[in-house]
C-alpha atoms as a PDB file:
ATOM      1  CA  MET A   1      10.179 -38.211   8.516  1.00  0.00           C
ATOM      2  CA  ASP A   2      11.738 -35.195  10.182  1.00  0.00           C
ATOM      3  CA  TYR A   3      15.392 -34.349  10.575  1.00  0.00           C
ATOM      4  CA  TYR A   4      16.706 -34.563  14.136  1.00  0.00           C
ATOM      5  CA  TYR A   5      20.034 -34.134  15.854  1.00  0.00           C
ATOM      6  CA  ASN A   6      21.564 -34.411  19.285  1.00  0.00           C
ATOM      7  CA  TYR A   7      25.106 -33.268  19.931  1.00  0.00           C
ATOM      8  CA  GLU A   8      27.457 -33.922  22.810  1.00  0.00           C
ATOM      9  CA  PRO A   9      31.196 -33.327  22.534  1.00  0.00           C
ATOM     10  CA  GLY A  10      32.618 -35.998  20.254  1.00  0.00           C
ATOM     11  CA  ARG A  11      29.200 -37.526  19.573  1.00  0.00           C
ATOM     12  CA  LEU A  12      26.486 -36.655  17.065  1.00  0.00           C
ATOM     13  CA  ARG A  13      23.226 -38.517  16.608  1.00  0.00           C
ATOM     14  CA  ILE A  14      21.108 -37.645  13.590  1.00  0.00           C
ATOM     15  CA  ARG A  15      17.874 -38.854  12.078  1.00  0.00           C
ATOM     16  CA  THR A  16      17.425 -38.283   8.368  1.00  0.00           C
ATOM     17  CA  PRO A  17      15.067 -39.334   5.582  1.00  0.00           C
ATOM     18  CA  TYR A  18      18.162 -40.281   3.563  1.00  0.00           C
ATOM     19  CA  LEU A  19      18.728 -43.322   5.799  1.00  0.00           C
ATOM     20  CA  HIS A  20      15.123 -44.168   6.628  1.00  0.00           C
ATOM     21  CA  ASN A  21      14.147 -47.616   5.336  1.00  0.00           C
ATOM     22  CA  ASN A  22      17.078 -47.595   2.908  1.00  0.00           C
ATOM     23  CA  PRO A  23      19.892 -50.058   3.726  1.00  0.00           C
ATOM     24  CA  GLN A  24      21.741 -49.179   0.497  1.00  0.00           C
ATOM     25  CA  ASN A  25      21.897 -45.505   1.483  1.00  0.00           C
ATOM     26  CA  ALA A  26      22.945 -46.501   4.999  1.00  0.00           C
ATOM     27  CA  ALA A  27      25.836 -48.577   3.623  1.00  0.00           C
ATOM     28  CA  ALA A  28      26.995 -45.729   1.358  1.00  0.00           C
ATOM     29  CA  PHE A  29      26.650 -43.255   4.247  1.00  0.00           C
ATOM     30  CA  GLU A  30      28.758 -45.439   6.550  1.00  0.00           C
ATOM     31  CA  LYS A  31      31.429 -45.945   3.892  1.00  0.00           C
ATOM     32  CA  ASN A  32      31.712 -42.210   3.150  1.00  0.00           C
ATOM     33  CA  LEU A  33      31.763 -41.202   6.798  1.00  0.00           C
ATOM     34  CA  ARG A  34      34.396 -43.798   7.744  1.00  0.00           C
ATOM     35  CA  GLU A  35      36.696 -42.310   5.088  1.00  0.00           C
ATOM     36  CA  LEU A  36      36.401 -38.878   6.686  1.00  0.00           C
ATOM     37  CA  ARG A  37      39.406 -37.946   8.807  1.00  0.00           C
ATOM     38  CA  GLY A  38      38.506 -37.737  12.496  1.00  0.00           C
ATOM     39  CA  ILE A  39      35.558 -40.133  12.454  1.00  0.00           C
ATOM     40  CA  LEU A  40      35.980 -42.825  15.091  1.00  0.00           C
ATOM     41  CA  THR A  41      32.781 -44.877  14.706  1.00  0.00           C
ATOM     42  CA  VAL A  42      29.655 -44.813  12.558  1.00  0.00           C
ATOM     43  CA  GLU A  43      26.509 -46.754  13.420  1.00  0.00           C
ATOM     44  CA  THR A  44      23.356 -46.531  11.319  1.00  0.00           C
ATOM     45  CA  ASN A  45      19.859 -47.882  11.757  1.00  0.00           C
ATOM     46  CA  PRO A  46      17.941 -47.788   8.468  1.00  0.00           C
ATOM     47  CA  LEU A  47      14.733 -48.834  10.211  1.00  0.00           C
ATOM     48  CA  THR A  48      14.688 -45.595  12.224  1.00  0.00           C
ATOM     49  CA  GLY A  49      16.732 -43.496   9.794  1.00  0.00           C
ATOM     50  CA  SER A  50      19.278 -42.674  12.463  1.00  0.00           C
ATOM     51  CA  ALA A  51      23.043 -42.578  12.681  1.00  0.00           C
ATOM     52  CA  LEU A  52      25.374 -42.273  15.646  1.00  0.00           C
ATOM     53  CA  LEU A  53      28.752 -40.740  14.925  1.00  0.00           C
ATOM     54  CA  HIS A  54      31.688 -40.593  17.322  1.00  0.00           C
ATOM     55  CA  PHE A  55      34.463 -38.284  16.240  1.00  0.00           C
ATOM     56  CA  ASP A  56      37.678 -36.658  17.421  1.00  0.00           C
ATOM     57  CA  GLU A  57      36.970 -32.961  17.842  1.00  0.00           C
ATOM     58  CA  LYS A  58      40.693 -32.210  17.668  1.00  0.00           C
ATOM     59  CA  ILE A  59      40.534 -33.329  14.034  1.00  0.00           C
ATOM     60  CA  ILE A  60      37.004 -32.462  12.914  1.00  0.00           C
ATOM     61  CA  SER A  61      34.577 -30.074  14.564  1.00  0.00           C
ATOM     62  CA  ARG A  62      30.834 -30.498  14.911  1.00  0.00           C
ATOM     63  CA  ASP A  63      30.288 -27.708  12.391  1.00  0.00           C
ATOM     64  CA  GLN A  64      32.665 -29.312   9.878  1.00  0.00           C
ATOM     65  CA  LEU A  65      30.928 -32.655  10.295  1.00  0.00           C
ATOM     66  CA  ILE A  66      27.470 -31.149   9.818  1.00  0.00           C
ATOM     67  CA  GLY A  67      28.809 -29.220   6.834  1.00  0.00           C
ATOM     68  CA  PHE A  68      29.986 -32.499   5.303  1.00  0.00           C
ATOM     69  CA  LEU A  69      26.579 -34.111   5.946  1.00  0.00           C
ATOM     70  CA  GLU A  70      24.780 -31.177   4.330  1.00  0.00           C
ATOM     71  CA  LYS A  71      27.162 -30.980   1.373  1.00  0.00           C
ATOM     72  CA  ASN A  72      26.482 -34.649   0.623  1.00  0.00           C
ATOM     73  CA  ARG A  73      22.718 -34.144   1.070  1.00  0.00           C
ATOM     74  CA  TYR A  74      22.508 -36.560   3.978  1.00  0.00           C
ATOM     75  CA  PHE A  75      21.145 -33.987   6.396  1.00  0.00           C
ATOM     76  CA  ILE A  76      19.622 -30.473   6.522  1.00  0.00           C
ATOM     77  CA  LEU A  77      20.431 -28.708   9.788  1.00  0.00           C
ATOM     78  CA  SER A  78      17.964 -25.854   9.219  1.00  0.00           C
ATOM     79  CA  GLU A  79      15.127 -28.406   9.134  1.00  0.00           C
ATOM     80  CA  ALA A  80      16.352 -30.464  12.102  1.00  0.00           C
ATOM     81  CA  LYS A  81      14.784 -30.586  15.530  1.00  0.00           C
ATOM     82  CA  THR A  82      16.838 -30.910  18.677  1.00  0.00           C
ATOM     83  CA  SER A  83      16.089 -33.384  21.446  1.00  0.00           C
ATOM     84  CA  ASP A  84      14.678 -30.510  23.527  1.00  0.00           C
ATOM     85  CA  GLU A  85      12.242 -29.618  20.742  1.00  0.00           C
ATOM     86  CA  VAL A  86      11.132 -33.241  20.369  1.00  0.00           C
ATOM     87  CA  ILE A  87      10.541 -33.509  24.125  1.00  0.00           C
ATOM     88  CA  GLU A  88       8.632 -30.211  24.148  1.00  0.00           C
ATOM     89  CA  GLN A  89       6.340 -31.366  21.324  1.00  0.00           C
ATOM     90  CA  ALA A  90       5.671 -34.711  23.017  1.00  0.00           C
ATOM     91  CA  THR A  91       4.922 -32.937  26.297  1.00  0.00           C
ATOM     92  CA  GLU A  92       2.475 -30.595  24.568  1.00  0.00           C
ATOM     93  CA  LYS A  93       0.644 -33.580  23.041  1.00  0.00           C
ATOM     94  CA  VAL A  94       0.398 -35.305  26.428  1.00  0.00           C
ATOM     95  CA  LEU A  95      -0.855 -32.134  28.091  1.00  0.00           C
ATOM     96  CA  ASP A  96      -3.503 -31.723  25.373  1.00  0.00           C
ATOM     97  CA  VAL A  97      -4.790 -35.235  26.093  1.00  0.00           C
ATOM     98  CA  VAL A  98      -4.745 -34.640  29.857  1.00  0.00           C
ATOM     99  CA  GLU A  99      -6.644 -31.382  29.411  1.00  0.00           C
ATOM    100  CA  LYS A 100      -9.300 -33.139  27.322  1.00  0.00           C
ATOM    101  CA  VAL A 101      -9.715 -35.891  29.936  1.00  0.00           C
ATOM    102  CA  VAL A 102     -10.025 -33.344  32.757  1.00  0.00           C
ATOM    103  CA  VAL A 103     -12.524 -31.189  30.838  1.00  0.00           C
ATOM    104  CA  ASP A 104     -14.588 -34.269  29.939  1.00  0.00           C
ATOM    105  CA  SER A 105     -14.642 -35.415  33.549  1.00  0.00           C
ATOM    106  CA  VAL A 106     -15.659 -31.966  34.825  1.00  0.00           C
ATOM    107  CA  ASP A 107     -18.417 -31.827  32.206  1.00  0.00           C
ATOM    108  CA  GLY A 108     -19.863 -35.085  33.526  1.00  0.00           C
ATOM    109  CA  GLY A 109     -18.181 -37.583  31.283  1.00  0.00           C
ATOM    110  CA  ILE A 110     -16.507 -39.591  34.069  1.00  0.00           C
ATOM    111  CA  GLY A 111     -17.620 -40.760  37.488  1.00  0.00           C
ATOM    112  CA  GLU A 112     -21.208 -39.463  37.556  1.00  0.00           C
ATOM    113  CA  ASP A 113     -23.924 -41.749  38.917  1.00  0.00           C
END
């Protein structure tokens, strides 16, 4: 499982192997995050390994929050993909398939009698 993050002001969604298929880790993660000053809500999904954090940026910044996640080994920013990178990779895969279908059809694989 890859690390992933998406940030909007006051909202951070992450995906991390730490949470993936591990309800005990998810419970500990939620408990620790809820004790952090400035955290408004914490939602985890162990099935997907994701967490959605809402926070007050007047109290804790995005960088401070990510620093906390890294310090506690929940998340590694340098290994994380952004939503734009995930979309780009998915698009490249789709285009590869489309290219193969088009090349096969031009080479006589589809529609020839």
